[in-house]
Amino acid sequence: MNIKLKMTFIIIITLAIGIVIGAMLNRTISQHRIKNILSERRPDMFVRVYERILEPNSAQSKAIREILNKYAQRNFEIRTKFREETQSVFESMKTEMEPILTPGQKKRLENRLSGRGRFPVRRRPLRNQRNKY
């Protein structure tokens, strides 16, 4: 092998290793963020997350925990109520649109509402929202 071929091979391998490490790091960071978001949904995890963030000293710990417990329960109740109301609105929308939709559209709507099509990728803003702000 000549020198140019060896150098090219080394550069390509280095780039490939960098891409793999970058992808793994990106996935790890994304999973950590999702875990933090989901962990705040349960009242007990809400308290733990904020205790870890605040790092209260022994004098503050009891008072902060009581406050966090109070608001954790309120937060949980609000999230639950919101989820139920949202589900109700989507069910009403589905029922009202069902007579108009084709079978393919019904299936896509059902996939979306059941959570299988939960997070669509939107690369650009909707037309009516482009210059809104």
N, C-alpha and C. Protein backbone atom coordinates (compact mmCIF):
# COMPACT_ATOMS: atom_id res chain seq x y z
N MET A 1 0.84 -1.19 0.00
CA MET A 1 0.00 0.00 0.00
C MET A 1 0.87 1.24 0.00
N ASN A 2 0.45 2.17 -0.79
CA ASN A 2 1.24 3.40 -0.78
C ASN A 2 0.75 4.35 0.32
N ILE A 3 1.48 5.38 0.55
CA ILE A 3 1.23 6.32 1.65
C ILE A 3 -0.12 7.01 1.48
N LYS A 4 -0.46 7.45 0.27
CA LYS A 4 -1.72 8.17 0.05
C LYS A 4 -2.91 7.28 0.39
N LEU A 5 -2.85 6.04 0.00
CA LEU A 5 -3.94 5.11 0.27
C LEU A 5 -4.08 4.86 1.77
N LYS A 6 -2.94 4.72 2.46
CA LYS A 6 -2.97 4.53 3.91
C LYS A 6 -3.57 5.74 4.61
N MET A 7 -3.17 6.93 4.21
CA MET A 7 -3.68 8.17 4.82
C MET A 7 -5.19 8.31 4.57
N THR A 8 -5.61 8.01 3.36
CA THR A 8 -7.04 8.08 3.04
C THR A 8 -7.82 7.09 3.90
N PHE A 9 -7.30 5.90 4.02
CA PHE A 9 -7.94 4.87 4.84
C PHE A 9 -8.04 5.31 6.30
N ILE A 10 -6.98 5.88 6.84
CA ILE A 10 -6.96 6.35 8.24
C ILE A 10 -7.97 7.48 8.43
N ILE A 11 -8.03 8.40 7.49
CA ILE A 11 -8.98 9.52 7.59
C ILE A 11 -10.42 9.01 7.55
N ILE A 12 -10.71 8.09 6.65
CA ILE A 12 -12.06 7.54 6.54
C ILE A 12 -12.46 6.81 7.82
N ILE A 13 -11.56 6.02 8.36
CA ILE A 13 -11.85 5.29 9.61
C ILE A 13 -12.07 6.28 10.76
N THR A 14 -11.23 7.32 10.82
CA THR A 14 -11.38 8.33 11.87
C THR A 14 -12.74 9.03 11.77
N LEU A 15 -13.13 9.39 10.56
CA LEU A 15 -14.44 10.02 10.36
C LEU A 15 -15.58 9.08 10.75
N ALA A 16 -15.46 7.82 10.37
CA ALA A 16 -16.50 6.85 10.71
C ALA A 16 -16.62 6.69 12.23
N ILE A 17 -15.49 6.61 12.91
CA ILE A 17 -15.51 6.49 14.37
C ILE A 17 -16.15 7.74 14.98
N GLY A 18 -15.82 8.91 14.47
CA GLY A 18 -16.41 10.15 14.96
C GLY A 18 -17.91 10.20 14.77
N ILE A 19 -18.38 9.73 13.62
CA ILE A 19 -19.82 9.70 13.35
C ILE A 19 -20.52 8.75 14.31
N VAL A 20 -19.95 7.58 14.53
CA VAL A 20 -20.55 6.60 15.45
C VAL A 20 -20.59 7.15 16.87
N ILE A 21 -19.50 7.73 17.32
CA ILE A 21 -19.47 8.30 18.68
C ILE A 21 -20.48 9.44 18.80
N GLY A 22 -20.56 10.29 17.80
CA GLY A 22 -21.52 11.40 17.81
C GLY A 22 -22.96 10.90 17.86
N ALA A 23 -23.27 9.88 17.08
CA ALA A 23 -24.62 9.32 17.08
C ALA A 23 -24.96 8.71 18.43
N MET A 24 -24.01 8.00 19.02
CA MET A 24 -24.25 7.38 20.33
C MET A 24 -24.44 8.45 21.40
N LEU A 25 -23.64 9.49 21.35
CA LEU A 25 -23.75 10.58 22.32
C LEU A 25 -25.09 11.30 22.17
N ASN A 26 -25.49 11.55 20.93
CA ASN A 26 -26.77 12.20 20.67
C ASN A 26 -27.93 11.37 21.23
N ARG A 27 -27.89 10.08 21.00
CA ARG A 27 -28.95 9.20 21.51
C ARG A 27 -28.98 9.21 23.04
N THR A 28 -27.83 9.15 23.66
CA THR A 28 -27.75 9.16 25.12
C THR A 28 -28.33 10.45 25.69
N ILE A 29 -27.97 11.57 25.10
CA ILE A 29 -28.48 12.86 25.57
C ILE A 29 -29.99 12.94 25.38
N SER A 30 -30.49 12.50 24.23
CA SER A 30 -31.93 12.52 23.97
C SER A 30 -32.68 11.64 24.96
N GLN A 31 -32.17 10.45 25.21
CA GLN A 31 -32.83 9.55 26.16
C GLN A 31 -32.83 10.15 27.56
N HIS A 32 -31.76 10.81 27.94
CA HIS A 32 -31.69 11.44 29.26
C HIS A 32 -32.74 12.54 29.38
N ARG A 33 -32.89 13.36 28.35
CA ARG A 33 -33.90 14.43 28.37
C ARG A 33 -35.30 13.85 28.45
N ILE A 34 -35.59 12.83 27.67
CA ILE A 34 -36.91 12.21 27.69
C ILE A 34 -37.18 11.61 29.06
N LYS A 35 -36.18 10.96 29.63
CA LYS A 35 -36.33 10.37 30.96
C LYS A 35 -36.66 11.43 32.00
N ASN A 36 -35.99 12.58 31.92
CA ASN A 36 -36.27 13.66 32.86
C ASN A 36 -37.68 14.20 32.70
N ILE A 37 -38.12 14.34 31.47
CA ILE A 37 -39.47 14.84 31.22
C ILE A 37 -40.50 13.86 31.75
N LEU A 38 -40.32 12.59 31.46
CA LEU A 38 -41.28 11.58 31.90
C LEU A 38 -41.24 11.38 33.40
N SER A 39 -40.09 11.56 34.01
CA SER A 39 -39.99 11.31 35.45
C SER A 39 -40.77 12.33 36.26
N GLU A 40 -41.00 13.51 35.71
CA GLU A 40 -41.74 14.53 36.44
C GLU A 40 -43.24 14.26 36.43
N ARG A 41 -43.71 13.28 35.71
CA ARG A 41 -45.14 12.99 35.65
C ARG A 41 -45.66 12.34 36.91
N ARG A 42 -44.86 11.51 37.55
CA ARG A 42 -45.30 10.85 38.78
C ARG A 42 -44.96 11.74 39.97
N PRO A 43 -45.88 11.86 40.94
CA PRO A 43 -45.62 12.75 42.07
C PRO A 43 -44.33 12.44 42.83
N ASP A 44 -44.04 11.17 43.08
CA ASP A 44 -42.83 10.84 43.83
C ASP A 44 -41.57 11.20 43.05
N MET A 45 -41.60 11.01 41.75
CA MET A 45 -40.43 11.36 40.93
C MET A 45 -40.29 12.88 40.80
N PHE A 46 -41.41 13.58 40.77
CA PHE A 46 -41.39 15.04 40.73
C PHE A 46 -40.59 15.57 41.91
N VAL A 47 -40.88 15.04 43.09
CA VAL A 47 -40.19 15.46 44.31
C VAL A 47 -38.70 15.13 44.21
N ARG A 48 -38.37 13.94 43.80
CA ARG A 48 -36.96 13.53 43.69
C ARG A 48 -36.18 14.40 42.72
N VAL A 49 -36.80 14.69 41.57
CA VAL A 49 -36.12 15.50 40.56
C VAL A 49 -35.79 16.88 41.12
N TYR A 50 -36.77 17.51 41.76
CA TYR A 50 -36.53 18.86 42.27
C TYR A 50 -35.62 18.87 43.49
N GLU A 51 -35.65 17.82 44.28
CA GLU A 51 -34.68 17.73 45.38
C GLU A 51 -33.26 17.60 44.84
N ARG A 52 -33.11 16.84 43.78
CA ARG A 52 -31.79 16.69 43.17
C ARG A 52 -31.32 18.01 42.56
N ILE A 53 -32.25 18.76 41.97
CA ILE A 53 -31.90 20.05 41.38
C ILE A 53 -31.52 21.06 42.47
N LEU A 54 -32.33 21.12 43.52
CA LEU A 54 -32.14 22.14 44.57
C LEU A 54 -31.03 21.81 45.55
N GLU A 55 -30.78 20.52 45.76
CA GLU A 55 -29.79 20.07 46.74
C GLU A 55 -29.94 20.80 48.08
N PRO A 56 -31.10 20.64 48.75
CA PRO A 56 -31.32 21.36 50.01
C PRO A 56 -30.40 20.85 51.12
N ASN A 57 -30.04 21.76 52.03
CA ASN A 57 -29.25 21.33 53.18
C ASN A 57 -30.19 20.70 54.21
N SER A 58 -29.65 20.19 55.29
CA SER A 58 -30.48 19.46 56.26
C SER A 58 -31.53 20.36 56.91
N ALA A 59 -31.25 21.64 57.06
CA ALA A 59 -32.22 22.56 57.65
C ALA A 59 -33.39 22.83 56.70
N GLN A 60 -33.14 22.83 55.41
CA GLN A 60 -34.17 23.12 54.41
C GLN A 60 -34.94 21.89 53.98
N SER A 61 -34.37 20.75 54.12
CA SER A 61 -34.88 19.53 53.51
C SER A 61 -36.34 19.24 53.81
N LYS A 62 -36.73 19.28 55.08
CA LYS A 62 -38.10 18.94 55.46
C LYS A 62 -39.10 19.93 54.87
N ALA A 63 -38.83 21.22 55.01
CA ALA A 63 -39.75 22.24 54.50
C ALA A 63 -39.89 22.16 52.98
N ILE A 64 -38.77 21.99 52.31
CA ILE A 64 -38.81 21.90 50.84
C ILE A 64 -39.56 20.65 50.40
N ARG A 65 -39.34 19.54 51.09
CA ARG A 65 -40.04 18.30 50.73
C ARG A 65 -41.55 18.46 50.89
N GLU A 66 -42.00 19.12 51.97
CA GLU A 66 -43.44 19.34 52.17
C GLU A 66 -44.03 20.18 51.04
N ILE A 67 -43.32 21.24 50.67
CA ILE A 67 -43.79 22.10 49.58
C ILE A 67 -43.82 21.32 48.27
N LEU A 68 -42.77 20.58 47.99
CA LEU A 68 -42.71 19.80 46.76
C LEU A 68 -43.81 18.75 46.71
N ASN A 69 -44.07 18.08 47.83
CA ASN A 69 -45.14 17.08 47.87
C ASN A 69 -46.50 17.71 47.56
N LYS A 70 -46.74 18.89 48.13
CA LYS A 70 -48.01 19.58 47.89
C LYS A 70 -48.17 19.90 46.40
N TYR A 71 -47.14 20.47 45.81
CA TYR A 71 -47.23 20.86 44.41
C TYR A 71 -47.09 19.68 43.46
N ALA A 72 -46.44 18.65 43.88
CA ALA A 72 -46.34 17.44 43.04
C ALA A 72 -47.72 16.85 42.84
N GLN A 73 -48.50 16.78 43.90
CA GLN A 73 -49.85 16.23 43.79
C GLN A 73 -50.71 17.12 42.90
N ARG A 74 -50.62 18.44 43.08
CA ARG A 74 -51.39 19.36 42.23
C ARG A 74 -50.98 19.21 40.77
N ASN A 75 -49.69 19.14 40.53
CA ASN A 75 -49.18 18.99 39.17
C ASN A 75 -49.70 17.69 38.54
N PHE A 76 -49.68 16.61 39.30
CA PHE A 76 -50.16 15.33 38.81
C PHE A 76 -51.65 15.41 38.47
N GLU A 77 -52.43 16.03 39.33
CA GLU A 77 -53.87 16.17 39.09
C GLU A 77 -54.14 17.00 37.84
N ILE A 78 -53.41 18.09 37.67
CA ILE A 78 -53.58 18.94 36.48
C ILE A 78 -53.23 18.16 35.22
N ARG A 79 -52.12 17.43 35.24
CA ARG A 79 -51.72 16.64 34.07
C ARG A 79 -52.76 15.57 33.74
N THR A 80 -53.28 14.91 34.77
CA THR A 80 -54.28 13.87 34.55
C THR A 80 -55.55 14.46 33.95
N LYS A 81 -56.01 15.57 34.52
CA LYS A 81 -57.22 16.22 34.01
C LYS A 81 -57.02 16.69 32.57
N PHE A 82 -55.86 17.27 32.30
CA PHE A 82 -55.57 17.74 30.95
C PHE A 82 -55.57 16.59 29.95
N ARG A 83 -54.95 15.48 30.33
CA ARG A 83 -54.90 14.31 29.45
C ARG A 83 -56.30 13.78 29.16
N GLU A 84 -57.15 13.72 30.20
CA GLU A 84 -58.51 13.23 30.02
C GLU A 84 -59.32 14.17 29.14
N GLU A 85 -59.20 15.48 29.36
CA GLU A 85 -59.93 16.45 28.55
C GLU A 85 -59.46 16.41 27.10
N THR A 86 -58.18 16.30 26.90
CA THR A 86 -57.64 16.23 25.54
C THR A 86 -58.15 14.98 24.83
N GLN A 87 -58.15 13.86 25.53
CA GLN A 87 -58.65 12.62 24.95
C GLN A 87 -60.11 12.76 24.55
N SER A 88 -60.90 13.41 25.40
CA SER A 88 -62.32 13.62 25.12
C SER A 88 -62.52 14.48 23.88
N VAL A 89 -61.73 15.54 23.75
CA VAL A 89 -61.83 16.42 22.59
C VAL A 89 -61.49 15.66 21.31
N PHE A 90 -60.43 14.87 21.35
CA PHE A 90 -60.04 14.12 20.15
C PHE A 90 -61.08 13.06 19.79
N GLU A 91 -61.68 12.43 20.78
CA GLU A 91 -62.73 11.45 20.50
C GLU A 91 -63.94 12.13 19.85
N SER A 92 -64.31 13.32 20.34
CA SER A 92 -65.42 14.07 19.73
C SER A 92 -65.10 14.44 18.29
N MET A 93 -63.88 14.90 18.07
CA MET A 93 -63.45 15.26 16.72
C MET A 93 -63.52 14.05 15.79
N LYS A 94 -63.03 12.92 16.27
CA LYS A 94 -63.03 11.69 15.47
C LYS A 94 -64.46 11.28 15.12
N THR A 95 -65.35 11.32 16.10
CA THR A 95 -66.74 10.94 15.88
C THR A 95 -67.40 11.85 14.86
N GLU A 96 -67.12 13.15 14.94
CA GLU A 96 -67.73 14.10 14.01
C GLU A 96 -67.17 13.95 12.60
N MET A 97 -65.91 13.61 12.46
CA MET A 97 -65.30 13.50 11.13
C MET A 97 -65.51 12.13 10.49
N GLU A 98 -65.80 11.11 11.27
CA GLU A 98 -65.87 9.74 10.77
C GLU A 98 -66.76 9.56 9.53
N PRO A 99 -67.96 10.17 9.47
CA PRO A 99 -68.80 9.97 8.28
C PRO A 99 -68.20 10.57 7.01
N ILE A 100 -67.31 11.51 7.14
CA ILE A 100 -66.75 12.22 5.99
C ILE A 100 -65.49 11.54 5.46
N LEU A 101 -64.76 10.85 6.30
CA LEU A 101 -63.44 10.32 5.95
C LEU A 101 -63.50 9.04 5.12
N THR A 102 -62.47 8.86 4.30
CA THR A 102 -62.31 7.61 3.56
C THR A 102 -61.72 6.57 4.51
N PRO A 103 -61.77 5.28 4.15
CA PRO A 103 -61.17 4.26 5.02
C PRO A 103 -59.69 4.50 5.31
N GLY A 104 -58.94 4.94 4.32
CA GLY A 104 -57.51 5.22 4.53
C GLY A 104 -57.30 6.37 5.50
N GLN A 105 -58.12 7.41 5.36
CA GLN A 105 -58.02 8.55 6.28
C GLN A 105 -58.40 8.14 7.70
N LYS A 106 -59.42 7.29 7.81
CA LYS A 106 -59.83 6.81 9.14
C LYS A 106 -58.69 6.04 9.81
N LYS A 107 -58.00 5.22 9.02
CA LYS A 107 -56.90 4.44 9.57
C LYS A 107 -55.76 5.35 10.03
N ARG A 108 -55.42 6.36 9.21
CA ARG A 108 -54.35 7.29 9.59
C ARG A 108 -54.73 8.08 10.84
N LEU A 109 -56.00 8.50 10.92
CA LEU A 109 -56.45 9.23 12.10
C LEU A 109 -56.40 8.33 13.33
N GLU A 110 -56.82 7.10 13.19
CA GLU A 110 -56.78 6.15 14.31
C GLU A 110 -55.34 5.91 14.77
N ASN A 111 -54.42 5.76 13.82
CA ASN A 111 -53.00 5.60 14.17
C ASN A 111 -52.49 6.80 14.94
N ARG A 112 -52.86 7.97 14.50
CA ARG A 112 -52.42 9.20 15.15
C ARG A 112 -52.99 9.29 16.57
N LEU A 113 -54.29 9.03 16.72
CA LEU A 113 -54.94 9.18 18.02
C LEU A 113 -54.57 8.06 18.99
N SER A 114 -54.18 6.91 18.48
CA SER A 114 -53.82 5.81 19.37
C SER A 114 -52.39 5.95 19.88
N GLY A 115 -51.63 6.89 19.34
CA GLY A 115 -50.27 7.11 19.81
C GLY A 115 -49.20 6.56 18.90
N ARG A 116 -49.58 5.77 17.89
CA ARG A 116 -48.56 5.21 17.00
C ARG A 116 -47.96 6.28 16.10
N GLY A 117 -48.72 7.31 15.79
CA GLY A 117 -48.20 8.41 14.98
C GLY A 117 -48.05 9.64 15.83
N ARG A 118 -47.52 9.47 17.00
CA ARG A 118 -47.58 10.49 18.03
C ARG A 118 -46.74 11.73 17.78
N PHE A 119 -45.53 11.59 17.32
CA PHE A 119 -44.65 12.74 17.19
C PHE A 119 -44.21 12.91 15.74
N PRO A 120 -45.03 13.56 14.93
CA PRO A 120 -44.63 13.76 13.54
C PRO A 120 -43.50 14.78 13.46
N VAL A 121 -42.67 14.62 12.47
CA VAL A 121 -41.57 15.56 12.28
C VAL A 121 -42.08 16.68 11.39
N ARG A 122 -42.03 17.91 11.89
CA ARG A 122 -42.47 19.06 11.10
C ARG A 122 -41.25 19.94 10.90
N ARG A 123 -40.81 20.04 9.67
CA ARG A 123 -39.58 20.75 9.38
C ARG A 123 -39.81 22.25 9.15
N ARG A 124 -41.02 22.63 8.81
CA ARG A 124 -41.28 24.05 8.60
C ARG A 124 -42.63 24.40 9.23
N PRO A 125 -42.83 25.66 9.61
CA PRO A 125 -44.08 26.02 10.26
C PRO A 125 -45.26 25.96 9.30
N LEU A 126 -46.44 25.82 9.86
CA LEU A 126 -47.64 25.84 9.04
C LEU A 126 -47.78 27.19 8.37
N ARG A 127 -48.45 27.22 7.23
CA ARG A 127 -48.56 28.46 6.46
C ARG A 127 -49.12 29.62 7.27
N ASN A 128 -50.20 29.36 8.00
CA ASN A 128 -50.84 30.45 8.73
C ASN A 128 -50.09 30.84 10.00
N GLN A 129 -49.01 30.15 10.35
CA GLN A 129 -48.26 30.47 11.55
C GLN A 129 -46.84 30.97 11.25
N ARG A 130 -46.49 31.11 10.01
CA ARG A 130 -45.12 31.51 9.66
C ARG A 130 -44.76 32.89 10.19
N ASN A 131 -45.63 33.85 9.99
CA ASN A 131 -45.32 35.23 10.38
C ASN A 131 -46.14 35.66 11.59
N LYS A 132 -46.53 34.73 12.39
CA LYS A 132 -47.39 35.02 13.53
C LYS A 132 -46.67 35.80 14.61
N TYR A 133 -45.38 35.56 14.81
CA TYR A 133 -44.66 36.21 15.91
C TYR A 133 -43.73 37.23 15.36
